[in-house]
Amino acid sequence: MAVERSAPAKNPTSLREAHRDLTRGRIRTAARDLFYEHHYDSTTMDEIALAAGLRRQTLYLHYKDKSEILTDIIADWIPRAKTFMATLPGPKPSLKQLQKWIEEVTKFVATERAPLSIILEVRRTSRNHMLTLETLTGELLAGLGEHNPPFRDAAAGKSAVTTRARAILLLRALIYSCDLYLDDPAKEYTKALLQVTAEDFYAFLGQDEAPRPKSRTKN
């Protein structure tokens, strides 16, 4: 006679952790949308709780304030953003390749509810997230450097200070251009921003070394 085996008991700790992760994910999604639509400074914890379908007390069991939520949003988003940035063709891609890639970046930013634009806003208004933002910058540069040594060296701190500064400015120009373009895709100015950004990437990646100023000789 076959002996029936009872199903293994579910681990209550695992179930609690799964429920916790699910709830925190709902909070992050709700907050990300509110930060994007109404700006970080204008969003309240009560609004986040309402958008996430939670009681205020439940929200505070997971996050003490919206600053903590934003830190988690950024940390959760970094791997996806880095992976996408690694699709930058290289080494030394053509201008046409860069134009096509930037078109894909705009689609990615739109799908992700533009957390990069949220981050830019917070960078201007708060110093509480500087370490997280520096980590994000380094990871995005590393992604861009997957097939392009200038960005890879900038991320690793192996390039000249001016080269790293140029790489960071290009990253910010990419964010800014995509953000404005998505606000008004039909506007000639925003289309021009994407074109100029592609040209700037082309110039940066097409040079093995930044030009050095000529030394002056004494008469």
N, C-alpha and C. Protein backbone atom coordinates (compact mmCIF):
# COMPACT_ATOMS: atom_id res chain seq x y z
N MET A 1 0.85 -1.20 0.00
CA MET A 1 0.00 0.00 0.00
C MET A 1 0.88 1.25 0.00
N ALA A 2 0.64 2.12 -0.96
CA ALA A 2 1.48 3.32 -1.07
C ALA A 2 1.18 4.29 0.06
N VAL A 3 2.22 4.85 0.59
CA VAL A 3 2.08 5.82 1.66
C VAL A 3 2.04 7.23 1.08
N GLU A 4 0.99 7.95 1.39
CA GLU A 4 0.88 9.31 0.88
C GLU A 4 1.84 10.23 1.62
N ARG A 5 2.52 11.03 0.86
CA ARG A 5 3.45 11.99 1.46
C ARG A 5 2.79 13.35 1.56
N SER A 6 2.91 13.91 2.71
CA SER A 6 2.32 15.24 2.90
C SER A 6 3.18 16.29 2.22
N ALA A 7 2.53 17.31 1.70
CA ALA A 7 3.27 18.39 1.02
C ALA A 7 4.13 19.12 2.03
N PRO A 8 5.36 19.52 1.61
CA PRO A 8 6.23 20.24 2.53
C PRO A 8 5.58 21.54 2.99
N ALA A 9 5.74 21.84 4.26
CA ALA A 9 5.17 23.07 4.81
C ALA A 9 5.87 24.29 4.23
N LYS A 10 5.09 25.30 3.92
CA LYS A 10 5.66 26.53 3.37
C LYS A 10 6.36 27.31 4.48
N ASN A 11 7.47 27.87 4.12
CA ASN A 11 8.25 28.65 5.08
C ASN A 11 7.56 29.99 5.31
N PRO A 12 7.06 30.23 6.53
CA PRO A 12 6.36 31.50 6.78
C PRO A 12 7.25 32.72 6.62
N THR A 13 8.55 32.53 6.89
CA THR A 13 9.50 33.64 6.74
C THR A 13 9.61 34.04 5.27
N SER A 14 9.69 33.04 4.38
CA SER A 14 9.79 33.31 2.94
C SER A 14 8.54 34.02 2.44
N LEU A 15 7.38 33.59 2.95
CA LEU A 15 6.12 34.22 2.54
C LEU A 15 6.07 35.68 2.99
N ARG A 16 6.54 35.94 4.20
CA ARG A 16 6.56 37.32 4.70
C ARG A 16 7.50 38.17 3.87
N GLU A 17 8.66 37.61 3.53
CA GLU A 17 9.63 38.35 2.72
C GLU A 17 9.08 38.64 1.33
N ALA A 18 8.39 37.66 0.75
CA ALA A 18 7.80 37.85 -0.58
C ALA A 18 6.74 38.95 -0.53
N HIS A 19 5.91 38.91 0.51
CA HIS A 19 4.87 39.94 0.66
C HIS A 19 5.50 41.31 0.88
N ARG A 20 6.56 41.33 1.67
CA ARG A 20 7.27 42.60 1.93
C ARG A 20 7.85 43.17 0.64
N ASP A 21 8.49 42.30 -0.15
CA ASP A 21 9.09 42.76 -1.42
C ASP A 21 8.01 43.26 -2.38
N LEU A 22 6.88 42.55 -2.41
CA LEU A 22 5.79 42.96 -3.29
C LEU A 22 5.25 44.33 -2.88
N THR A 23 5.08 44.53 -1.59
CA THR A 23 4.55 45.81 -1.10
C THR A 23 5.53 46.94 -1.38
N ARG A 24 6.81 46.71 -1.13
CA ARG A 24 7.81 47.74 -1.39
C ARG A 24 7.89 48.06 -2.88
N GLY A 25 7.69 47.05 -3.71
CA GLY A 25 7.67 47.29 -5.16
C GLY A 25 6.50 48.18 -5.56
N ARG A 26 5.33 47.94 -4.96
CA ARG A 26 4.15 48.79 -5.22
C ARG A 26 4.43 50.22 -4.80
N ILE A 27 5.08 50.38 -3.67
CA ILE A 27 5.40 51.72 -3.16
C ILE A 27 6.35 52.43 -4.11
N ARG A 28 7.39 51.72 -4.56
CA ARG A 28 8.36 52.34 -5.46
C ARG A 28 7.71 52.76 -6.78
N THR A 29 6.86 51.90 -7.32
CA THR A 29 6.20 52.22 -8.59
C THR A 29 5.30 53.44 -8.44
N ALA A 30 4.52 53.47 -7.36
CA ALA A 30 3.62 54.60 -7.12
C ALA A 30 4.40 55.88 -6.93
N ALA A 31 5.48 55.81 -6.15
CA ALA A 31 6.29 57.00 -5.88
C ALA A 31 6.98 57.48 -7.14
N ARG A 32 7.51 56.55 -7.93
CA ARG A 32 8.21 56.93 -9.16
C ARG A 32 7.29 57.70 -10.10
N ASP A 33 6.06 57.21 -10.25
CA ASP A 33 5.11 57.90 -11.13
C ASP A 33 4.75 59.28 -10.59
N LEU A 34 4.55 59.38 -9.28
CA LEU A 34 4.22 60.68 -8.68
C LEU A 34 5.39 61.66 -8.77
N PHE A 35 6.59 61.17 -8.52
CA PHE A 35 7.77 62.04 -8.63
C PHE A 35 7.90 62.58 -10.05
N TYR A 36 7.59 61.72 -11.03
CA TYR A 36 7.71 62.12 -12.43
C TYR A 36 6.62 63.12 -12.82
N GLU A 37 5.39 62.85 -12.39
CA GLU A 37 4.26 63.67 -12.82
C GLU A 37 4.12 64.97 -12.02
N HIS A 38 4.43 64.91 -10.73
CA HIS A 38 4.19 66.07 -9.87
C HIS A 38 5.46 66.63 -9.21
N HIS A 39 6.60 66.03 -9.53
CA HIS A 39 7.90 66.43 -8.98
C HIS A 39 8.11 65.91 -7.55
N TYR A 40 9.35 65.64 -7.27
CA TYR A 40 9.73 65.05 -5.99
C TYR A 40 9.34 65.94 -4.82
N ASP A 41 9.68 67.22 -4.89
CA ASP A 41 9.42 68.12 -3.76
C ASP A 41 7.93 68.26 -3.45
N SER A 42 7.09 68.17 -4.48
CA SER A 42 5.65 68.39 -4.29
C SER A 42 4.90 67.15 -3.83
N THR A 43 5.54 65.99 -3.91
CA THR A 43 4.88 64.74 -3.56
C THR A 43 4.95 64.49 -2.06
N THR A 44 3.83 64.05 -1.46
CA THR A 44 3.79 63.76 -0.03
C THR A 44 3.70 62.25 0.21
N MET A 45 4.03 61.84 1.41
CA MET A 45 3.92 60.43 1.77
C MET A 45 2.46 59.97 1.71
N ASP A 46 1.52 60.85 2.08
CA ASP A 46 0.11 60.49 2.00
C ASP A 46 -0.31 60.18 0.57
N GLU A 47 0.19 60.97 -0.39
CA GLU A 47 -0.13 60.74 -1.80
C GLU A 47 0.46 59.41 -2.28
N ILE A 48 1.66 59.10 -1.81
CA ILE A 48 2.29 57.84 -2.20
C ILE A 48 1.50 56.66 -1.65
N ALA A 49 1.07 56.76 -0.39
CA ALA A 49 0.28 55.68 0.21
C ALA A 49 -1.01 55.47 -0.56
N LEU A 50 -1.68 56.56 -0.92
CA LEU A 50 -2.94 56.47 -1.66
C LEU A 50 -2.73 55.83 -3.02
N ALA A 51 -1.69 56.27 -3.73
CA ALA A 51 -1.41 55.73 -5.07
C ALA A 51 -1.02 54.26 -5.02
N ALA A 52 -0.38 53.84 -3.93
CA ALA A 52 0.02 52.44 -3.79
C ALA A 52 -1.09 51.57 -3.22
N GLY A 53 -2.21 52.19 -2.83
CA GLY A 53 -3.33 51.44 -2.27
C GLY A 53 -3.06 50.92 -0.88
N LEU A 54 -2.31 51.71 -0.10
CA LEU A 54 -1.94 51.29 1.25
C LEU A 54 -2.38 52.32 2.28
N ARG A 55 -2.50 51.86 3.50
CA ARG A 55 -2.74 52.80 4.59
C ARG A 55 -1.43 53.54 4.91
N ARG A 56 -1.57 54.73 5.45
CA ARG A 56 -0.40 55.54 5.77
C ARG A 56 0.52 54.81 6.75
N GLN A 57 -0.09 54.14 7.74
CA GLN A 57 0.71 53.42 8.73
C GLN A 57 1.52 52.30 8.08
N THR A 58 0.92 51.63 7.09
CA THR A 58 1.62 50.55 6.39
C THR A 58 2.81 51.09 5.62
N LEU A 59 2.64 52.23 4.98
CA LEU A 59 3.73 52.84 4.24
C LEU A 59 4.92 53.11 5.15
N TYR A 60 4.64 53.64 6.34
CA TYR A 60 5.72 53.99 7.26
C TYR A 60 6.37 52.75 7.89
N LEU A 61 5.75 51.60 7.78
CA LEU A 61 6.40 50.37 8.22
C LEU A 61 7.55 49.99 7.28
N HIS A 62 7.46 50.47 6.03
CA HIS A 62 8.46 50.11 5.03
C HIS A 62 9.47 51.23 4.77
N TYR A 63 9.03 52.47 4.83
CA TYR A 63 9.93 53.61 4.56
C TYR A 63 9.64 54.73 5.55
N LYS A 64 10.69 55.32 6.06
CA LYS A 64 10.49 56.40 7.03
C LYS A 64 10.16 57.73 6.36
N ASP A 65 10.61 57.91 5.09
CA ASP A 65 10.31 59.14 4.37
C ASP A 65 10.50 58.92 2.87
N LYS A 66 10.16 59.92 2.08
CA LYS A 66 10.25 59.76 0.62
C LYS A 66 11.70 59.75 0.14
N SER A 67 12.60 60.28 0.95
CA SER A 67 14.02 60.23 0.59
C SER A 67 14.50 58.78 0.55
N GLU A 68 14.06 57.99 1.51
CA GLU A 68 14.40 56.56 1.53
C GLU A 68 13.81 55.84 0.33
N ILE A 69 12.59 56.23 -0.04
CA ILE A 69 11.95 55.60 -1.19
C ILE A 69 12.75 55.90 -2.46
N LEU A 70 13.16 57.15 -2.62
CA LEU A 70 13.91 57.53 -3.81
C LEU A 70 15.22 56.77 -3.90
N THR A 71 15.90 56.62 -2.77
CA THR A 71 17.16 55.86 -2.75
C THR A 71 16.93 54.44 -3.26
N ASP A 72 15.83 53.83 -2.83
CA ASP A 72 15.50 52.47 -3.27
C ASP A 72 15.14 52.44 -4.75
N ILE A 73 14.43 53.47 -5.22
CA ILE A 73 14.07 53.55 -6.64
C ILE A 73 15.33 53.57 -7.49
N ILE A 74 16.29 54.40 -7.08
CA ILE A 74 17.53 54.52 -7.85
C ILE A 74 18.32 53.22 -7.82
N ALA A 75 18.45 52.62 -6.62
CA ALA A 75 19.19 51.37 -6.48
C ALA A 75 18.56 50.25 -7.30
N ASP A 76 17.23 50.21 -7.32
CA ASP A 76 16.51 49.20 -8.09
C ASP A 76 16.67 49.41 -9.58
N TRP A 77 16.83 50.65 -9.99
CA TRP A 77 16.87 51.00 -11.41
C TRP A 77 18.26 50.87 -12.02
N ILE A 78 19.31 50.98 -11.20
CA ILE A 78 20.68 51.00 -11.71
C ILE A 78 21.01 49.82 -12.61
N PRO A 79 20.73 48.57 -12.22
CA PRO A 79 21.10 47.45 -13.11
C PRO A 79 20.46 47.53 -14.49
N ARG A 80 19.18 47.90 -14.55
CA ARG A 80 18.50 47.99 -15.85
C ARG A 80 19.10 49.12 -16.70
N ALA A 81 19.37 50.25 -16.05
CA ALA A 81 19.93 51.38 -16.78
C ALA A 81 21.33 51.06 -17.30
N LYS A 82 22.14 50.43 -16.47
CA LYS A 82 23.50 50.07 -16.88
C LYS A 82 23.47 49.10 -18.06
N THR A 83 22.59 48.10 -17.97
CA THR A 83 22.47 47.12 -19.05
C THR A 83 22.06 47.80 -20.36
N PHE A 84 21.14 48.76 -20.27
CA PHE A 84 20.72 49.44 -21.49
C PHE A 84 21.84 50.32 -22.04
N MET A 85 22.53 51.05 -21.17
CA MET A 85 23.62 51.91 -21.64
C MET A 85 24.71 51.09 -22.34
N ALA A 86 24.83 49.82 -21.94
CA ALA A 86 25.83 48.95 -22.56
C ALA A 86 25.50 48.61 -24.00
N THR A 87 24.30 48.98 -24.46
CA THR A 87 23.95 48.74 -25.87
C THR A 87 24.55 49.80 -26.79
N LEU A 88 25.22 50.80 -26.22
CA LEU A 88 25.89 51.81 -27.05
C LEU A 88 26.88 51.10 -27.97
N PRO A 89 26.73 51.24 -29.28
CA PRO A 89 27.63 50.53 -30.20
C PRO A 89 29.05 51.07 -30.12
N GLY A 90 30.00 50.23 -30.44
CA GLY A 90 31.38 50.68 -30.39
C GLY A 90 32.32 49.56 -30.79
N PRO A 91 33.61 49.80 -30.78
CA PRO A 91 34.21 51.13 -30.52
C PRO A 91 34.11 52.03 -31.75
N LYS A 92 34.17 53.31 -31.52
CA LYS A 92 34.09 54.32 -32.56
C LYS A 92 32.90 54.09 -33.50
N PRO A 93 31.69 54.17 -32.97
CA PRO A 93 30.50 53.99 -33.81
C PRO A 93 30.32 55.13 -34.80
N SER A 94 29.58 54.84 -35.86
CA SER A 94 29.30 55.87 -36.85
C SER A 94 28.24 56.82 -36.29
N LEU A 95 28.13 57.99 -36.92
CA LEU A 95 27.12 58.96 -36.50
C LEU A 95 25.72 58.38 -36.67
N LYS A 96 25.51 57.64 -37.75
CA LYS A 96 24.21 57.03 -37.99
C LYS A 96 23.86 56.02 -36.89
N GLN A 97 24.84 55.25 -36.46
CA GLN A 97 24.62 54.29 -35.37
C GLN A 97 24.24 55.01 -34.08
N LEU A 98 24.92 56.11 -33.81
CA LEU A 98 24.65 56.88 -32.60
C LEU A 98 23.26 57.52 -32.63
N GLN A 99 22.88 58.01 -33.79
CA GLN A 99 21.54 58.59 -33.93
C GLN A 99 20.47 57.54 -33.65
N LYS A 100 20.66 56.35 -34.20
CA LYS A 100 19.72 55.26 -33.97
C LYS A 100 19.69 54.87 -32.50
N TRP A 101 20.86 54.81 -31.87
CA TRP A 101 20.94 54.42 -30.47
C TRP A 101 20.23 55.43 -29.58
N ILE A 102 20.40 56.71 -29.86
CA ILE A 102 19.76 57.74 -29.05
C ILE A 102 18.24 57.67 -29.20
N GLU A 103 17.76 57.30 -30.38
CA GLU A 103 16.32 57.08 -30.54
C GLU A 103 15.83 55.98 -29.60
N GLU A 104 16.65 54.93 -29.46
CA GLU A 104 16.30 53.84 -28.56
C GLU A 104 16.36 54.29 -27.10
N VAL A 105 17.28 55.19 -26.79
CA VAL A 105 17.39 55.72 -25.43
C VAL A 105 16.10 56.45 -25.05
N THR A 106 15.57 57.25 -25.98
CA THR A 106 14.33 57.98 -25.69
C THR A 106 13.18 57.02 -25.39
N LYS A 107 13.12 55.90 -26.11
CA LYS A 107 12.07 54.90 -25.87
C LYS A 107 12.26 54.27 -24.48
N PHE A 108 13.50 54.00 -24.14
CA PHE A 108 13.80 53.41 -22.83
C PHE A 108 13.40 54.37 -21.71
N VAL A 109 13.77 55.64 -21.86
CA VAL A 109 13.44 56.64 -20.84
C VAL A 109 11.92 56.77 -20.69
N ALA A 110 11.21 56.75 -21.81
CA ALA A 110 9.75 56.88 -21.76
C ALA A 110 9.13 55.68 -21.05
N THR A 111 9.62 54.48 -21.35
CA THR A 111 9.09 53.27 -20.73
C THR A 111 9.36 53.24 -19.23
N GLU A 112 10.53 53.74 -18.83
CA GLU A 112 10.93 53.70 -17.43
C GLU A 112 10.35 54.86 -16.62
N ARG A 113 9.47 55.62 -17.19
CA ARG A 113 8.90 56.80 -16.52
C ARG A 113 10.00 57.78 -16.14
N ALA A 114 11.03 57.81 -16.93
CA ALA A 114 12.10 58.81 -16.83
C ALA A 114 12.66 59.01 -15.43
N PRO A 115 13.11 57.94 -14.75
CA PRO A 115 13.72 58.16 -13.45
C PRO A 115 14.95 59.04 -13.52
N LEU A 116 15.60 59.08 -14.68
CA LEU A 116 16.77 59.95 -14.82
C LEU A 116 16.39 61.42 -14.64
N SER A 117 15.23 61.81 -15.14
CA SER A 117 14.83 63.21 -14.97
C SER A 117 14.50 63.50 -13.51
N ILE A 118 13.96 62.50 -12.80
CA ILE A 118 13.72 62.66 -11.37
C ILE A 118 15.04 62.88 -10.65
N ILE A 119 16.02 62.07 -11.02
CA ILE A 119 17.33 62.15 -10.37
C ILE A 119 17.98 63.50 -10.61
N LEU A 120 17.85 64.03 -11.82
CA LEU A 120 18.41 65.34 -12.11
C LEU A 120 17.76 66.41 -11.24
N GLU A 121 16.44 66.30 -11.06
CA GLU A 121 15.74 67.27 -10.23
C GLU A 121 16.23 67.21 -8.79
N VAL A 122 16.39 66.00 -8.27
CA VAL A 122 16.83 65.83 -6.89
C VAL A 122 18.25 66.32 -6.71
N ARG A 123 19.09 66.10 -7.71
CA ARG A 123 20.47 66.57 -7.62
C ARG A 123 20.52 68.09 -7.43
N ARG A 124 19.58 68.79 -8.02
CA ARG A 124 19.56 70.25 -7.91
C ARG A 124 19.01 70.73 -6.57
N THR A 125 18.21 69.89 -5.90
CA THR A 125 17.50 70.38 -4.71
C THR A 125 17.92 69.72 -3.40
N SER A 126 18.68 68.63 -3.46
CA SER A 126 19.01 67.93 -2.22
C SER A 126 20.41 67.33 -2.28
N ARG A 127 21.10 67.36 -1.16
CA ARG A 127 22.43 66.76 -1.06
C ARG A 127 22.37 65.41 -0.34
N ASN A 128 21.17 64.97 0.02
CA ASN A 128 21.03 63.73 0.78
C ASN A 128 21.33 62.48 -0.06
N HIS A 129 21.29 62.63 -1.37
CA HIS A 129 21.45 61.46 -2.24
C HIS A 129 22.75 61.50 -3.04
N MET A 130 23.70 62.32 -2.63
CA MET A 130 24.90 62.50 -3.43
C MET A 130 25.67 61.19 -3.63
N LEU A 131 25.81 60.38 -2.58
CA LEU A 131 26.54 59.12 -2.71
C LEU A 131 25.83 58.18 -3.67
N THR A 132 24.50 58.09 -3.55
CA THR A 132 23.72 57.24 -4.45
C THR A 132 23.83 57.73 -5.88
N LEU A 133 23.78 59.04 -6.06
CA LEU A 133 23.86 59.61 -7.41
C LEU A 133 25.24 59.40 -8.02
N GLU A 134 26.28 59.49 -7.20
CA GLU A 134 27.63 59.24 -7.70
C GLU A 134 27.78 57.78 -8.12
N THR A 135 27.18 56.88 -7.34
CA THR A 135 27.20 55.46 -7.70
C THR A 135 26.49 55.25 -9.03
N LEU A 136 25.34 55.89 -9.18
CA LEU A 136 24.58 55.79 -10.44
C LEU A 136 25.41 56.29 -11.61
N THR A 137 26.03 57.46 -11.45
CA THR A 137 26.85 58.02 -12.53
C THR A 137 27.95 57.06 -12.94
N GLY A 138 28.65 56.50 -11.95
CA GLY A 138 29.72 55.56 -12.25
C GLY A 138 29.23 54.32 -12.98
N GLU A 139 28.07 53.80 -12.56
CA GLU A 139 27.54 52.60 -13.21
C GLU A 139 27.07 52.88 -14.63
N LEU A 140 26.46 54.04 -14.85
CA LEU A 140 26.02 54.40 -16.21
C LEU A 140 27.22 54.60 -17.13
N LEU A 141 28.27 55.23 -16.61
CA LEU A 141 29.49 55.40 -17.42
C LEU A 141 30.10 54.04 -17.75
N ALA A 142 30.08 53.13 -16.77
CA ALA A 142 30.61 51.79 -17.01
C ALA A 142 29.79 51.08 -18.08
N GLY A 143 28.47 51.27 -18.05
CA GLY A 143 27.64 50.69 -19.09
C GLY A 143 27.98 51.24 -20.47
N LEU A 144 28.12 52.56 -20.55
CA LEU A 144 28.50 53.19 -21.81
C LEU A 144 29.88 52.71 -22.28
N GLY A 145 30.70 52.31 -21.33
CA GLY A 145 32.05 51.86 -21.66
C GLY A 145 32.19 50.40 -22.00
N GLU A 146 31.05 49.69 -22.05
CA GLU A 146 31.10 48.26 -22.35
C GLU A 146 31.83 47.99 -23.66
N HIS A 147 31.61 48.83 -24.67
CA HIS A 147 32.26 48.66 -25.98
C HIS A 147 33.07 49.90 -26.37
N ASN A 148 33.21 50.85 -25.43
CA ASN A 148 33.87 52.11 -25.76
C ASN A 148 34.86 52.52 -24.67
N PRO A 149 36.16 52.34 -24.92
CA PRO A 149 37.19 52.61 -23.92
C PRO A 149 37.15 54.00 -23.28
N PRO A 150 36.83 55.08 -24.02
CA PRO A 150 36.82 56.40 -23.35
C PRO A 150 35.85 56.46 -22.17
N PHE A 151 34.67 55.88 -22.32
CA PHE A 151 33.72 55.86 -21.22
C PHE A 151 34.16 54.88 -20.13
N ARG A 152 34.71 53.75 -20.55
CA ARG A 152 35.15 52.75 -19.57
C ARG A 152 36.27 53.32 -18.70
N ASP A 153 37.23 54.01 -19.31
CA ASP A 153 38.33 54.60 -18.55
C ASP A 153 37.83 55.71 -17.63
N ALA A 154 36.84 56.47 -18.11
CA ALA A 154 36.28 57.54 -17.29
C ALA A 154 35.60 56.96 -16.05
N ALA A 155 34.88 55.84 -16.24
CA ALA A 155 34.19 55.21 -15.11
C ALA A 155 35.17 54.65 -14.10
N ALA A 156 36.30 54.13 -14.59
CA ALA A 156 37.29 53.51 -13.71
C ALA A 156 38.29 54.51 -13.13
N GLY A 157 38.16 55.78 -13.52
CA GLY A 157 39.09 56.79 -13.03
C GLY A 157 40.47 56.68 -13.65
N LYS A 158 40.56 56.08 -14.84
CA LYS A 158 41.85 55.90 -15.50
C LYS A 158 42.12 56.96 -16.56
N SER A 159 41.17 57.84 -16.79
CA SER A 159 41.34 58.86 -17.83
C SER A 159 41.72 60.19 -17.19
N ALA A 160 42.08 61.14 -18.03
CA ALA A 160 42.38 62.48 -17.54
C ALA A 160 41.12 63.08 -16.94
N VAL A 161 41.32 64.00 -16.02
CA VAL A 161 40.18 64.64 -15.35
C VAL A 161 39.26 65.30 -16.36
N THR A 162 39.84 65.94 -17.36
CA THR A 162 39.01 66.61 -18.37
C THR A 162 38.21 65.61 -19.20
N THR A 163 38.79 64.43 -19.45
CA THR A 163 38.07 63.41 -20.21
C THR A 163 36.89 62.87 -19.40
N ARG A 164 37.11 62.64 -18.11
CA ARG A 164 36.00 62.18 -17.26
C ARG A 164 34.92 63.24 -17.17
N ALA A 165 35.34 64.50 -17.06
CA ALA A 165 34.35 65.59 -17.00
C ALA A 165 33.54 65.63 -18.28
N ARG A 166 34.20 65.44 -19.42
CA ARG A 166 33.49 65.44 -20.70
C ARG A 166 32.52 64.27 -20.79
N ALA A 167 32.93 63.11 -20.28
CA ALA A 167 32.05 61.93 -20.30
C ALA A 167 30.81 62.16 -19.45
N ILE A 168 30.98 62.76 -18.27
CA ILE A 168 29.83 63.04 -17.40
C ILE A 168 28.90 64.06 -18.03
N LEU A 169 29.47 65.08 -18.66
CA LEU A 169 28.65 66.09 -19.32
C LEU A 169 27.86 65.49 -20.48
N LEU A 170 28.47 64.56 -21.20
CA LEU A 170 27.77 63.89 -22.29
C LEU A 170 26.60 63.07 -21.76
N LEU A 171 26.82 62.39 -20.64
CA LEU A 171 25.75 61.62 -20.03
C LEU A 171 24.60 62.52 -19.63
N ARG A 172 24.91 63.65 -19.02
CA ARG A 172 23.86 64.58 -18.60
C ARG A 172 23.16 65.20 -19.81
N ALA A 173 23.93 65.48 -20.87
CA ALA A 173 23.32 66.03 -22.09
C ALA A 173 22.35 65.02 -22.70
N LEU A 174 22.70 63.75 -22.63
CA LEU A 174 21.82 62.69 -23.14
C LEU A 174 20.51 62.68 -22.37
N ILE A 175 20.60 62.75 -21.04
CA ILE A 175 19.40 62.75 -20.20
C ILE A 175 18.54 63.97 -20.51
N TYR A 176 19.18 65.12 -20.55
CA TYR A 176 18.46 66.38 -20.78
C TYR A 176 17.78 66.38 -22.14
N SER A 177 18.49 65.95 -23.17
CA SER A 177 17.95 65.97 -24.52
C SER A 177 16.75 65.03 -24.65
N CYS A 178 16.89 63.82 -24.10
CA CYS A 178 15.79 62.86 -24.17
C CYS A 178 14.57 63.37 -23.41
N ASP A 179 14.81 63.99 -22.26
CA ASP A 179 13.72 64.49 -21.44
C ASP A 179 12.93 65.57 -22.18
N LEU A 180 13.63 66.53 -22.77
CA LEU A 180 12.96 67.61 -23.49
C LEU A 180 12.27 67.09 -24.75
N TYR A 181 12.91 66.15 -25.43
CA TYR A 181 12.32 65.59 -26.63
C TYR A 181 10.99 64.89 -26.31
N LEU A 182 10.96 64.14 -25.22
CA LEU A 182 9.74 63.42 -24.85
C LEU A 182 8.62 64.38 -24.47
N ASP A 183 8.97 65.57 -23.97
CA ASP A 183 7.96 66.57 -23.65
C ASP A 183 7.27 67.09 -24.90
N ASP A 184 8.03 67.17 -26.01
CA ASP A 184 7.46 67.69 -27.26
C ASP A 184 8.23 67.12 -28.45
N PRO A 185 7.93 65.89 -28.86
CA PRO A 185 8.66 65.22 -29.94
C PRO A 185 8.55 65.92 -31.29
N ALA A 186 7.49 66.71 -31.50
CA ALA A 186 7.28 67.34 -32.80
C ALA A 186 8.07 68.64 -32.96
N LYS A 187 8.59 69.16 -31.89
CA LYS A 187 9.28 70.44 -31.92
C LYS A 187 10.66 70.30 -32.57
N GLU A 188 10.96 71.20 -33.50
CA GLU A 188 12.24 71.13 -34.21
C GLU A 188 13.42 71.27 -33.26
N TYR A 189 13.25 72.10 -32.24
CA TYR A 189 14.34 72.33 -31.28
C TYR A 189 14.72 71.05 -30.54
N THR A 190 13.72 70.27 -30.12
CA THR A 190 14.03 69.06 -29.38
C THR A 190 14.65 67.99 -30.29
N LYS A 191 14.23 67.98 -31.55
CA LYS A 191 14.86 67.07 -32.50
C LYS A 191 16.32 67.45 -32.71
N ALA A 192 16.57 68.76 -32.75
CA ALA A 192 17.94 69.25 -32.92
C ALA A 192 18.81 68.88 -31.73
N LEU A 193 18.23 68.88 -30.53
CA LEU A 193 18.98 68.50 -29.33
C LEU A 193 19.50 67.07 -29.45
N LEU A 194 18.65 66.17 -29.93
CA LEU A 194 19.07 64.78 -30.10
C LEU A 194 20.18 64.68 -31.14
N GLN A 195 20.06 65.46 -32.22
CA GLN A 195 21.07 65.43 -33.26
C GLN A 195 22.42 65.93 -32.74
N VAL A 196 22.38 67.05 -32.01
CA VAL A 196 23.62 67.61 -31.46
C VAL A 196 24.25 66.65 -30.46
N THR A 197 23.41 65.99 -29.66
CA THR A 197 23.93 65.02 -28.68
C THR A 197 24.62 63.87 -29.39
N ALA A 198 24.04 63.38 -30.48
CA ALA A 198 24.66 62.31 -31.26
C ALA A 198 26.00 62.77 -31.82
N GLU A 199 26.06 63.99 -32.30
CA GLU A 199 27.31 64.53 -32.84
C GLU A 199 28.37 64.67 -31.76
N ASP A 200 27.96 65.06 -30.56
CA ASP A 200 28.92 65.21 -29.46
C ASP A 200 29.46 63.84 -29.03
N PHE A 201 28.60 62.83 -28.99
CA PHE A 201 29.06 61.47 -28.69
C PHE A 201 30.05 61.00 -29.76
N TYR A 202 29.72 61.32 -30.99
CA TYR A 202 30.59 60.91 -32.12
C TYR A 202 31.97 61.54 -31.99
N ALA A 203 32.01 62.81 -31.65
CA ALA A 203 33.28 63.51 -31.50
C ALA A 203 34.08 62.93 -30.34
N PHE A 204 33.41 62.62 -29.24
CA PHE A 204 34.09 62.09 -28.06
C PHE A 204 34.65 60.70 -28.32
N LEU A 205 33.86 59.85 -28.96
CA LEU A 205 34.28 58.47 -29.17
C LEU A 205 35.20 58.31 -30.37
N GLY A 206 35.26 59.34 -31.22
CA GLY A 206 36.11 59.26 -32.39
C GLY A 206 37.54 59.69 -32.13
N GLN A 207 37.82 60.17 -30.90
CA GLN A 207 39.16 60.64 -30.57
C GLN A 207 39.79 59.72 -29.53
N ASP A 208 41.03 59.32 -29.79
CA ASP A 208 41.73 58.48 -28.82
C ASP A 208 42.18 59.29 -27.62
N GLU A 209 42.36 60.57 -27.85
CA GLU A 209 42.86 61.42 -26.77
C GLU A 209 42.34 62.83 -26.97
N ALA A 210 41.98 63.49 -25.88
CA ALA A 210 41.49 64.86 -25.98
C ALA A 210 42.63 65.77 -26.41
N PRO A 211 42.35 66.79 -27.24
CA PRO A 211 43.42 67.70 -27.68
C PRO A 211 44.03 68.44 -26.50
N ARG A 212 45.33 68.61 -26.55
CA ARG A 212 46.03 69.31 -25.48
C ARG A 212 46.33 70.74 -25.91
N PRO A 213 46.28 71.69 -24.97
CA PRO A 213 46.61 73.06 -25.34
C PRO A 213 48.08 73.18 -25.72
N LYS A 214 48.36 74.03 -26.70
CA LYS A 214 49.74 74.21 -27.16
C LYS A 214 50.53 74.97 -26.10
N SER A 215 51.75 74.54 -25.89
CA SER A 215 52.59 75.24 -24.92
C SER A 215 53.13 76.52 -25.54
N ARG A 216 53.25 77.54 -24.71
CA ARG A 216 53.76 78.81 -25.20
C ARG A 216 55.28 78.87 -25.05
N THR A 217 55.93 79.42 -26.04
CA THR A 217 57.38 79.56 -25.98
C THR A 217 57.73 81.00 -25.69
N LYS A 218 58.76 81.18 -24.91
CA LYS A 218 59.20 82.52 -24.58
C LYS A 218 60.01 83.12 -25.72
N ASN A 219 59.79 84.41 -25.96
CA ASN A 219 60.56 85.09 -27.01
C ASN A 219 61.97 85.38 -26.52
